[in-house]
Amino acid sequence: MVDNVPMQGDIIKINLDPKQGHEQKGYRPYICLSHHLVSDYANIAVFAPISNTSRQYPFYVPLEKTESTGVVLLDQLVTIDYNARQWNYIETVDNDFLNKLLKKVVVVFQSNNN
C-alpha cells in the first residue's frame, strides 16, 4: 500500500454489499491485481476475492506464504472504487505468487478462436 492506495499484490478487506447472485458478499478479503497505472488515473483497481471455500476449480488458486488463508477466485474479478468504501490493508503477497496469479488470470480473457 502506498499513500492509502492499494497496490498490485496487496490483500485488503472491504465490504462490497449489496451484491447479487453468486457474487461474493460481506466484509471480506480481496487481492489487488491491476497495475498501479489504473489507480493513478482512475482511482479504481481490479481485485479478485479470496474465499475459504473447499471447492476445487481451475481458477481457484490457494494463497501461498501469507498469514491470510483461502483461495483467490480468479473468475470473479471486480473493479472497485476503493475511495468510495472503507477498507483495511492486510498484507502483500510475494512477487512469485503475484506473477503466478497474473499468468493464470490472463486465461479468463483469452479468445476461444485460437
C-alpha atoms as a PDB file:
ATOM      1  CA  MET A   1       0.000   0.000   0.000  1.00  0.00           C
ATOM      2  CA  VAL A   2       1.275   3.450  -0.935  1.00  0.00           C
ATOM      3  CA  ASP A   3      -0.378   6.703   0.163  1.00  0.00           C
ATOM      4  CA  ASN A   4      -3.571   4.870   1.194  1.00  0.00           C
ATOM      5  CA  VAL A   5      -3.879   3.300  -2.271  1.00  0.00           C
ATOM      6  CA  PRO A   6      -3.938  -0.493  -2.612  1.00  0.00           C
ATOM      7  CA  MET A   7      -1.139  -1.692  -4.875  1.00  0.00           C
ATOM      8  CA  GLN A   8      -0.799  -4.781  -7.058  1.00  0.00           C
ATOM      9  CA  GLY A   9      -0.404  -7.792  -4.763  1.00  0.00           C
ATOM     10  CA  ASP A  10      -1.987  -6.142  -1.709  1.00  0.00           C
ATOM     11  CA  ILE A  11      -4.651  -8.049   0.193  1.00  0.00           C
ATOM     12  CA  ILE A  12      -7.289  -5.754   1.671  1.00  0.00           C
ATOM     13  CA  LYS A  13     -10.575  -6.304   3.490  1.00  0.00           C
ATOM     14  CA  ILE A  14     -13.528  -4.382   2.109  1.00  0.00           C
ATOM     15  CA  ASN A  15     -17.324  -4.548   2.248  1.00  0.00           C
ATOM     16  CA  LEU A  16     -18.892  -4.587  -1.214  1.00  0.00           C
ATOM     17  CA  ASP A  17     -22.515  -5.187  -0.157  1.00  0.00           C
ATOM     18  CA  PRO A  18     -25.029  -5.202  -1.644  1.00  0.00           C
ATOM     19  CA  LYS A  19     -24.233  -7.957  -4.137  1.00  0.00           C
ATOM     20  CA  GLN A  20     -26.454 -10.315  -6.108  1.00  0.00           C
ATOM     21  CA  GLY A  21     -26.464 -13.895  -7.319  1.00  0.00           C
ATOM     22  CA  HIS A  22     -23.183 -15.794  -6.956  1.00  0.00           C
ATOM     23  CA  GLU A  23     -21.105 -12.695  -6.216  1.00  0.00           C
ATOM     24  CA  GLN A  24     -19.052 -12.681  -3.022  1.00  0.00           C
ATOM     25  CA  LYS A  25     -20.801 -10.774  -0.229  1.00  0.00           C
ATOM     26  CA  GLY A  26     -19.859  -9.086   3.039  1.00  0.00           C
ATOM     27  CA  TYR A  27     -16.674  -7.718   4.556  1.00  0.00           C
ATOM     28  CA  ARG A  28     -14.077  -9.964   3.012  1.00  0.00           C
ATOM     29  CA  PRO A  29     -10.544 -10.095   1.666  1.00  0.00           C
ATOM     30  CA  TYR A  30      -9.663  -9.159  -1.911  1.00  0.00           C
ATOM     31  CA  ILE A  31      -6.312  -9.091  -3.678  1.00  0.00           C
ATOM     32  CA  CYS A  32      -5.398  -6.225  -5.994  1.00  0.00           C
ATOM     33  CA  LEU A  33      -4.335  -7.495  -9.434  1.00  0.00           C
ATOM     34  CA  SER A  34      -4.274  -4.314 -11.525  1.00  0.00           C
ATOM     35  CA  HIS A  35      -1.163  -2.283 -12.320  1.00  0.00           C
ATOM     36  CA  HIS A  36      -0.780   0.960 -10.354  1.00  0.00           C
ATOM     37  CA  LEU A  37      -1.415   2.978 -13.535  1.00  0.00           C
ATOM     38  CA  VAL A  38      -5.098   2.032 -13.286  1.00  0.00           C
ATOM     39  CA  SER A  39      -5.306   3.602  -9.821  1.00  0.00           C
ATOM     40  CA  ASP A  40      -3.143   6.564 -10.812  1.00  0.00           C
ATOM     41  CA  TYR A  41      -5.624   7.666 -13.463  1.00  0.00           C
ATOM     42  CA  ALA A  42      -8.990   6.414 -12.298  1.00  0.00           C
ATOM     43  CA  ASN A  43      -8.980   5.899  -8.502  1.00  0.00           C
ATOM     44  CA  ILE A  44     -10.152   2.332  -9.074  1.00  0.00           C
ATOM     45  CA  ALA A  45      -8.422  -1.035  -9.082  1.00  0.00           C
ATOM     46  CA  VAL A  46      -9.208  -4.580 -10.221  1.00  0.00           C
ATOM     47  CA  PHE A  47      -9.472  -7.145  -7.452  1.00  0.00           C
ATOM     48  CA  ALA A  48     -10.113 -10.867  -7.042  1.00  0.00           C
ATOM     49  CA  PRO A  49     -11.999 -12.071  -3.954  1.00  0.00           C
ATOM     50  CA  ILE A  50     -10.437 -14.514  -1.530  1.00  0.00           C
ATOM     51  CA  SER A  51     -12.625 -17.282  -0.099  1.00  0.00           C
ATOM     52  CA  ASN A  52     -12.208 -20.223   2.245  1.00  0.00           C
ATOM     53  CA  THR A  53     -14.296 -22.473   0.001  1.00  0.00           C
ATOM     54  CA  SER A  54     -13.223 -26.098  -0.244  1.00  0.00           C
ATOM     55  CA  ARG A  55     -14.427 -26.412  -3.855  1.00  0.00           C
ATOM     56  CA  GLN A  56     -11.802 -27.293  -6.455  1.00  0.00           C
ATOM     57  CA  TYR A  57     -11.795 -25.235  -9.654  1.00  0.00           C
ATOM     58  CA  PRO A  58      -9.001 -24.326 -12.114  1.00  0.00           C
ATOM     59  CA  PHE A  59      -9.394 -20.590 -11.394  1.00  0.00           C
ATOM     60  CA  TYR A  60      -9.268 -21.012  -7.580  1.00  0.00           C
ATOM     61  CA  VAL A  61      -5.643 -20.546  -6.526  1.00  0.00           C
ATOM     62  CA  PRO A  62      -4.653 -21.306  -2.896  1.00  0.00           C
ATOM     63  CA  LEU A  63      -2.794 -18.494  -1.149  1.00  0.00           C
ATOM     64  CA  GLU A  64       0.912 -19.157  -0.588  1.00  0.00           C
ATOM     65  CA  LYS A  65       3.300 -17.747   2.031  1.00  0.00           C
ATOM     66  CA  THR A  66       0.653 -15.496   3.619  1.00  0.00           C
ATOM     67  CA  GLU A  67      -0.955 -15.146   7.004  1.00  0.00           C
ATOM     68  CA  SER A  68      -4.293 -14.941   5.181  1.00  0.00           C
ATOM     69  CA  THR A  69      -5.944 -18.235   4.282  1.00  0.00           C
ATOM     70  CA  GLY A  70      -8.119 -19.328   1.399  1.00  0.00           C
ATOM     71  CA  VAL A  71      -8.151 -19.328  -2.367  1.00  0.00           C
ATOM     72  CA  VAL A  72      -8.077 -16.455  -4.843  1.00  0.00           C
ATOM     73  CA  LEU A  73     -11.172 -16.618  -7.071  1.00  0.00           C
ATOM     74  CA  LEU A  74      -9.755 -15.518 -10.407  1.00  0.00           C
ATOM     75  CA  ASP A  75     -13.089 -15.968 -12.205  1.00  0.00           C
ATOM     76  CA  GLN A  76     -14.843 -13.337 -10.058  1.00  0.00           C
ATOM     77  CA  LEU A  77     -12.815 -10.195 -10.739  1.00  0.00           C
ATOM     78  CA  VAL A  78     -14.313  -6.858  -9.685  1.00  0.00           C
ATOM     79  CA  THR A  79     -13.399  -3.246 -10.307  1.00  0.00           C
ATOM     80  CA  ILE A  80     -13.624  -1.295  -7.063  1.00  0.00           C
ATOM     81  CA  ASP A  81     -13.669   2.428  -6.355  1.00  0.00           C
ATOM     82  CA  TYR A  82     -11.730   1.945  -3.120  1.00  0.00           C
ATOM     83  CA  ASN A  83     -12.086   5.647  -2.215  1.00  0.00           C
ATOM     84  CA  ALA A  84     -15.868   5.223  -2.002  1.00  0.00           C
ATOM     85  CA  ARG A  85     -15.652   2.403   0.577  1.00  0.00           C
ATOM     86  CA  GLN A  86     -13.927   1.715   3.855  1.00  0.00           C
ATOM     87  CA  TRP A  87     -11.153  -0.832   3.595  1.00  0.00           C
ATOM     88  CA  ASN A  88      -8.212  -2.117   5.593  1.00  0.00           C
ATOM     89  CA  TYR A  89      -4.805  -3.237   4.381  1.00  0.00           C
ATOM     90  CA  ILE A  90      -3.981  -6.807   5.462  1.00  0.00           C
ATOM     91  CA  GLU A  91      -0.723  -7.842   3.758  1.00  0.00           C
ATOM     92  CA  THR A  92       1.127  -8.059   0.447  1.00  0.00           C
ATOM     93  CA  VAL A  93       1.843 -11.339  -1.356  1.00  0.00           C
ATOM     94  CA  ASP A  94       5.328 -12.064  -2.667  1.00  0.00           C
ATOM     95  CA  ASN A  95       6.215 -11.398  -6.320  1.00  0.00           C
ATOM     96  CA  ASP A  96       6.381 -15.082  -7.273  1.00  0.00           C
ATOM     97  CA  PHE A  97       2.820 -15.689  -6.127  1.00  0.00           C
ATOM     98  CA  LEU A  98       1.569 -12.461  -7.727  1.00  0.00           C
ATOM     99  CA  ASN A  99       3.126 -13.486 -11.053  1.00  0.00           C
ATOM    100  CA  LYS A 100       1.504 -16.921 -10.747  1.00  0.00           C
ATOM    101  CA  LEU A 101      -1.901 -15.238 -10.360  1.00  0.00           C
ATOM    102  CA  LEU A 102      -1.332 -12.825 -13.247  1.00  0.00           C
ATOM    103  CA  LYS A 103      -0.254 -15.622 -15.607  1.00  0.00           C
ATOM    104  CA  LYS A 104      -3.324 -17.665 -14.719  1.00  0.00           C
ATOM    105  CA  VAL A 105      -5.901 -14.830 -14.833  1.00  0.00           C
ATOM    106  CA  VAL A 106      -4.955 -13.944 -18.405  1.00  0.00           C
ATOM    107  CA  VAL A 107      -6.720 -17.158 -19.497  1.00  0.00           C
ATOM    108  CA  VAL A 108     -10.030 -15.600 -18.408  1.00  0.00           C
ATOM    109  CA  PHE A 109      -9.628 -13.058 -21.203  1.00  0.00           C
ATOM    110  CA  GLN A 110      -8.239 -15.265 -23.989  1.00  0.00           C
ATOM    111  CA  SER A 111     -10.224 -15.716 -27.160  1.00  0.00           C
ATOM    112  CA  ASN A 112     -11.952 -19.030 -27.856  1.00  0.00           C
ATOM    113  CA  ASN A 113     -10.971 -18.598 -31.519  1.00  0.00           C
ATOM    114  CA  ASN A 114      -7.315 -19.607 -31.025  1.00  0.00           C
END
